[in-house]
Amino acid sequence: MGSEAIRHAIETATEYLRQHPDEARSTDSAATASIVDGLIVRVTGPGGASITTDMVPSVGGTASAVSPGWLLRAAEASCVVTLIAMRAAVLGVTIDTLEVTVGSVSDDRGMLGAPEGVHPGPTESWAHIIVSAKGTPEEKLKEVVRWAEEHSPVTDSLCRAVPHSLKTELP
C-alpha cells in the first residue's frame, strides 16, 4: 500500500472514530504460549500466526530461536517504524530511508531470582532511528519521529505502568 492509500486509510479511520468514540476501545488479540520442549516455546495468535522462542544454553535453552526479550525489542522497533511511516504518509512526507534499532540493558540475575530485589526486566532501553526524506526539512523529520515515539502503542506500554492481572488455573 502506497503513502497516499495509507494517508487516506488513516484519515478515514480518524474521522470514523471521531464520530464514534464509543467504538475506539477494543480488546487486542491474545497470544497463547505453550512449551514445546525444554525452553522452546510456541506462541500462537489470530489467523494462524505463530512464532517460536528459546533461551540461551547458559539458562537451559538451546538457542534454537530468538528469546522473548528480543521479541519485545523487535515489537517496539517494528511499531515505531510503522508509526513513522504512518505519520509521514499523513503529512505527505516521502521516506527514502527508515531504520529503527531498539536495544536494552538487563541484569540477568533478576529473571533467576538471585538475589531478590533485582528487576527481571531491562534496566534501560533505547531506540536509534535513521530516517531520510529528500526535500524534507530536518525539523519536520524530527517532529515525525517524535510524534511516532509518543504514539507507538508498544513504546507506550513499555514506558507507562499498565495495570496487569494474573489468573492461574490448576486443572
Foldseek 3Di string as FASTA:
>chain_A
DDLQVLLVVVVVVVVVCVVVVVPPDDDDWDWDWDDDDWQWIWIATPPGDIDIAWDPPVVTTPPPHHHPLVVLQVLQFVLLQVQLSSLCSNVVFDWDDKGKGKDFAADCVQVVPVPPPGHNDGPDMDMDIDTDTPPDDPVVSVVSSVVSCVPRPSNCPVPDDDDDDDDDDDD
